[in-house]
Amino acid sequence: MANIASARKAARQSEKRRLHNASLRSELRSAIKRVRSAIAAGDKSAARTVLRDASKVIDTIADKKIVHKNKSSRHKSRLSAAIKAMA
């Protein structure tokens, strides 16, 4: 454990940041899962609606640099392609 006051404070801040980022990452994964389950259900219009909501979440988390912007773009692209491929 840190002995210097500033190092102890940095450790506290780091832990708070880690927990906050973890919750945001979890929100991202949940949004992606909601889109995938809508695609699996086979309802194209519902999948589009869910993707629109998920895109906002994905972009917000990328803006906060929780995940890289390319990763967020890749997820959105693949989900959108999966919706387009639906019969």
N, C-alpha and C. Protein backbone atom coordinates (compact mmCIF):
# COMPACT_ATOMS: atom_id res chain seq x y z
N MET A 1 0.84 -1.19 0.00
CA MET A 1 0.00 0.00 0.00
C MET A 1 0.88 1.24 0.00
N ALA A 2 0.37 2.31 -0.57
CA ALA A 2 1.13 3.56 -0.68
C ALA A 2 1.31 4.19 0.70
N ASN A 3 2.48 4.82 0.91
CA ASN A 3 2.77 5.47 2.19
C ASN A 3 2.57 6.97 2.13
N ILE A 4 2.72 7.55 0.97
CA ILE A 4 2.63 9.00 0.82
C ILE A 4 1.16 9.37 0.58
N ALA A 5 0.74 10.49 1.17
CA ALA A 5 -0.66 10.91 1.10
C ALA A 5 -1.14 11.05 -0.33
N SER A 6 -0.32 11.65 -1.17
CA SER A 6 -0.74 11.86 -2.56
C SER A 6 -0.89 10.53 -3.30
N ALA A 7 -0.05 9.56 -2.94
CA ALA A 7 -0.14 8.24 -3.57
C ALA A 7 -1.39 7.50 -3.09
N ARG A 8 -1.74 7.68 -1.80
CA ARG A 8 -2.97 7.07 -1.28
C ARG A 8 -4.18 7.66 -1.99
N LYS A 9 -4.17 8.98 -2.17
CA LYS A 9 -5.28 9.65 -2.86
C LYS A 9 -5.37 9.16 -4.31
N ALA A 10 -4.23 9.05 -4.97
CA ALA A 10 -4.21 8.57 -6.36
C ALA A 10 -4.78 7.15 -6.44
N ALA A 11 -4.48 6.32 -5.45
CA ALA A 11 -4.99 4.95 -5.43
C ALA A 11 -6.50 4.96 -5.25
N ARG A 12 -7.01 5.85 -4.38
CA ARG A 12 -8.47 5.96 -4.19
C ARG A 12 -9.15 6.41 -5.48
N GLN A 13 -8.58 7.42 -6.12
CA GLN A 13 -9.16 7.95 -7.37
C GLN A 13 -9.15 6.89 -8.46
N SER A 14 -8.04 6.16 -8.52
CA SER A 14 -7.89 5.12 -9.53
C SER A 14 -8.94 4.03 -9.36
N GLU A 15 -9.22 3.65 -8.12
CA GLU A 15 -10.21 2.62 -7.84
C GLU A 15 -11.62 3.11 -8.22
N LYS A 16 -11.93 4.36 -7.91
CA LYS A 16 -13.23 4.92 -8.27
C LYS A 16 -13.40 4.95 -9.79
N ARG A 17 -12.35 5.34 -10.48
CA ARG A 17 -12.37 5.40 -11.94
C ARG A 17 -12.55 4.01 -12.54
N ARG A 18 -11.86 3.03 -11.95
CA ARG A 18 -11.95 1.65 -12.44
C ARG A 18 -13.37 1.13 -12.32
N LEU A 19 -14.01 1.38 -11.18
CA LEU A 19 -15.38 0.92 -10.98
C LEU A 19 -16.36 1.62 -11.94
N HIS A 20 -16.17 2.91 -12.14
CA HIS A 20 -17.04 3.67 -13.05
C HIS A 20 -16.87 3.17 -14.48
N ASN A 21 -15.62 2.98 -14.89
CA ASN A 21 -15.37 2.50 -16.25
C ASN A 21 -15.93 1.09 -16.45
N ALA A 22 -15.83 0.26 -15.41
CA ALA A 22 -16.34 -1.10 -15.51
C ALA A 22 -17.85 -1.09 -15.71
N SER A 23 -18.55 -0.19 -15.03
CA SER A 23 -20.00 -0.13 -15.19
C SER A 23 -20.37 0.34 -16.58
N LEU A 24 -19.59 1.29 -17.13
CA LEU A 24 -19.86 1.76 -18.49
C LEU A 24 -19.58 0.67 -19.51
N ARG A 25 -18.50 -0.10 -19.30
CA ARG A 25 -18.18 -1.19 -20.22
C ARG A 25 -19.29 -2.26 -20.18
N SER A 26 -19.84 -2.49 -18.98
CA SER A 26 -20.93 -3.44 -18.83
C SER A 26 -22.17 -2.95 -19.57
N GLU A 27 -22.43 -1.65 -19.50
CA GLU A 27 -23.56 -1.06 -20.21
C GLU A 27 -23.40 -1.24 -21.72
N LEU A 28 -22.16 -1.09 -22.20
CA LEU A 28 -21.85 -1.29 -23.62
C LEU A 28 -22.17 -2.72 -24.03
N ARG A 29 -21.69 -3.69 -23.25
CA ARG A 29 -21.90 -5.10 -23.58
C ARG A 29 -23.39 -5.45 -23.57
N SER A 30 -24.11 -4.88 -22.61
CA SER A 30 -25.55 -5.14 -22.53
C SER A 30 -26.28 -4.59 -23.75
N ALA A 31 -25.89 -3.40 -24.20
CA ALA A 31 -26.52 -2.79 -25.37
C ALA A 31 -26.29 -3.67 -26.60
N ILE A 32 -25.07 -4.19 -26.74
CA ILE A 32 -24.75 -5.05 -27.89
C ILE A 32 -25.55 -6.34 -27.82
N LYS A 33 -25.68 -6.90 -26.61
CA LYS A 33 -26.45 -8.14 -26.44
C LYS A 33 -27.92 -7.94 -26.77
N ARG A 34 -28.47 -6.75 -26.41
CA ARG A 34 -29.87 -6.48 -26.73
C ARG A 34 -30.09 -6.47 -28.24
N VAL A 35 -29.14 -5.90 -28.99
CA VAL A 35 -29.26 -5.88 -30.45
C VAL A 35 -29.17 -7.30 -30.99
N ARG A 36 -28.21 -8.07 -30.51
CA ARG A 36 -28.03 -9.44 -31.00
C ARG A 36 -29.26 -10.30 -30.72
N SER A 37 -29.88 -10.09 -29.55
CA SER A 37 -31.08 -10.88 -29.23
C SER A 37 -32.25 -10.46 -30.11
N ALA A 38 -32.34 -9.17 -30.46
CA ALA A 38 -33.39 -8.71 -31.36
C ALA A 38 -33.19 -9.30 -32.75
N ILE A 39 -31.93 -9.40 -33.18
CA ILE A 39 -31.62 -10.00 -34.48
C ILE A 39 -31.99 -11.49 -34.45
N ALA A 40 -31.65 -12.17 -33.36
CA ALA A 40 -31.95 -13.60 -33.24
C ALA A 40 -33.46 -13.85 -33.22
N ALA A 41 -34.23 -12.89 -32.68
CA ALA A 41 -35.69 -13.03 -32.64
C ALA A 41 -36.29 -12.91 -34.03
N GLY A 42 -35.56 -12.26 -34.94
CA GLY A 42 -36.00 -12.18 -36.32
C GLY A 42 -36.88 -10.99 -36.66
N ASP A 43 -37.03 -10.05 -35.72
CA ASP A 43 -37.86 -8.87 -35.97
C ASP A 43 -36.96 -7.72 -36.43
N LYS A 44 -36.99 -7.44 -37.73
CA LYS A 44 -36.07 -6.46 -38.32
C LYS A 44 -36.32 -5.05 -37.82
N SER A 45 -37.58 -4.64 -37.74
CA SER A 45 -37.88 -3.26 -37.31
C SER A 45 -37.51 -3.05 -35.84
N ALA A 46 -37.75 -4.06 -35.00
CA ALA A 46 -37.37 -3.96 -33.59
C ALA A 46 -35.85 -3.92 -33.47
N ALA A 47 -35.16 -4.71 -34.29
CA ALA A 47 -33.70 -4.73 -34.26
C ALA A 47 -33.13 -3.37 -34.65
N ARG A 48 -33.76 -2.72 -35.64
CA ARG A 48 -33.31 -1.38 -36.04
C ARG A 48 -33.47 -0.38 -34.91
N THR A 49 -34.60 -0.45 -34.23
CA THR A 49 -34.87 0.46 -33.12
C THR A 49 -33.86 0.25 -31.99
N VAL A 50 -33.61 -1.00 -31.66
CA VAL A 50 -32.65 -1.32 -30.60
C VAL A 50 -31.25 -0.88 -31.01
N LEU A 51 -30.91 -1.04 -32.29
CA LEU A 51 -29.59 -0.62 -32.76
C LEU A 51 -29.42 0.89 -32.63
N ARG A 52 -30.48 1.64 -32.92
CA ARG A 52 -30.39 3.09 -32.81
C ARG A 52 -30.08 3.50 -31.37
N ASP A 53 -30.74 2.87 -30.40
CA ASP A 53 -30.47 3.16 -28.99
C ASP A 53 -29.07 2.70 -28.59
N ALA A 54 -28.68 1.53 -29.07
CA ALA A 54 -27.36 0.99 -28.74
C ALA A 54 -26.25 1.85 -29.33
N SER A 55 -26.48 2.41 -30.51
CA SER A 55 -25.46 3.26 -31.15
C SER A 55 -25.14 4.47 -30.30
N LYS A 56 -26.18 5.03 -29.66
CA LYS A 56 -25.95 6.18 -28.78
C LYS A 56 -25.06 5.78 -27.61
N VAL A 57 -25.35 4.62 -27.03
CA VAL A 57 -24.56 4.13 -25.89
C VAL A 57 -23.12 3.87 -26.33
N ILE A 58 -22.97 3.21 -27.48
CA ILE A 58 -21.65 2.86 -27.99
C ILE A 58 -20.82 4.12 -28.25
N ASP A 59 -21.44 5.12 -28.89
CA ASP A 59 -20.73 6.37 -29.19
C ASP A 59 -20.35 7.12 -27.92
N THR A 60 -21.25 7.16 -26.96
CA THR A 60 -20.97 7.86 -25.70
C THR A 60 -19.77 7.25 -25.00
N ILE A 61 -19.72 5.92 -24.96
CA ILE A 61 -18.63 5.24 -24.27
C ILE A 61 -17.32 5.41 -25.02
N ALA A 62 -17.40 5.48 -26.36
CA ALA A 62 -16.18 5.73 -27.15
C ALA A 62 -15.69 7.16 -26.93
N ASP A 63 -16.63 8.12 -26.82
CA ASP A 63 -16.26 9.51 -26.58
C ASP A 63 -15.54 9.68 -25.25
N LYS A 64 -15.94 8.86 -24.27
CA LYS A 64 -15.31 8.93 -22.95
C LYS A 64 -14.02 8.12 -22.89
N LYS A 65 -13.66 7.52 -24.03
CA LYS A 65 -12.42 6.75 -24.18
C LYS A 65 -12.36 5.53 -23.27
N ILE A 66 -13.55 4.95 -23.01
CA ILE A 66 -13.60 3.69 -22.26
C ILE A 66 -13.20 2.56 -23.21
N VAL A 67 -13.66 2.67 -24.46
CA VAL A 67 -13.21 1.77 -25.53
C VAL A 67 -12.72 2.64 -26.68
N HIS A 68 -11.90 2.07 -27.54
CA HIS A 68 -11.35 2.82 -28.67
C HIS A 68 -12.44 3.09 -29.69
N LYS A 69 -12.34 4.22 -30.36
CA LYS A 69 -13.37 4.62 -31.34
C LYS A 69 -13.48 3.61 -32.48
N ASN A 70 -12.37 2.98 -32.86
CA ASN A 70 -12.44 1.98 -33.93
C ASN A 70 -13.22 0.75 -33.49
N LYS A 71 -13.07 0.39 -32.22
CA LYS A 71 -13.82 -0.75 -31.70
C LYS A 71 -15.31 -0.45 -31.71
N SER A 72 -15.67 0.77 -31.33
CA SER A 72 -17.09 1.12 -31.33
C SER A 72 -17.64 1.14 -32.75
N SER A 73 -16.87 1.66 -33.69
CA SER A 73 -17.30 1.68 -35.09
C SER A 73 -17.45 0.26 -35.64
N ARG A 74 -16.54 -0.61 -35.26
CA ARG A 74 -16.59 -2.00 -35.72
C ARG A 74 -17.86 -2.69 -35.22
N HIS A 75 -18.18 -2.47 -33.94
CA HIS A 75 -19.40 -3.07 -33.38
C HIS A 75 -20.64 -2.57 -34.11
N LYS A 76 -20.71 -1.26 -34.29
CA LYS A 76 -21.89 -0.68 -34.96
C LYS A 76 -22.01 -1.21 -36.38
N SER A 77 -20.89 -1.29 -37.08
CA SER A 77 -20.89 -1.75 -38.46
C SER A 77 -21.35 -3.19 -38.56
N ARG A 78 -20.84 -4.05 -37.70
CA ARG A 78 -21.19 -5.47 -37.76
C ARG A 78 -22.64 -5.71 -37.37
N LEU A 79 -23.12 -4.96 -36.38
CA LEU A 79 -24.52 -5.12 -35.98
C LEU A 79 -25.45 -4.65 -37.10
N SER A 80 -25.08 -3.53 -37.72
CA SER A 80 -25.89 -3.00 -38.80
C SER A 80 -25.88 -3.95 -40.00
N ALA A 81 -24.74 -4.55 -40.29
CA ALA A 81 -24.64 -5.51 -41.40
C ALA A 81 -25.49 -6.74 -41.10
N ALA A 82 -25.52 -7.17 -39.84
CA ALA A 82 -26.32 -8.33 -39.47
C ALA A 82 -27.81 -8.03 -39.63
N ILE A 83 -28.21 -6.81 -39.34
CA ILE A 83 -29.62 -6.42 -39.52
C ILE A 83 -29.96 -6.37 -41.00
N LYS A 84 -29.06 -5.83 -41.81
CA LYS A 84 -29.30 -5.76 -43.24
C LYS A 84 -29.39 -7.14 -43.87
N ALA A 85 -28.64 -8.10 -43.31
CA ALA A 85 -28.61 -9.46 -43.85
C ALA A 85 -29.86 -10.26 -43.50
N MET A 86 -30.68 -9.71 -42.59
CA MET A 86 -31.90 -10.44 -42.20
C MET A 86 -32.84 -10.56 -43.39
N ALA A 87 -33.54 -11.68 -43.47
CA ALA A 87 -34.45 -11.94 -44.58
C ALA A 87 -35.70 -11.07 -44.49
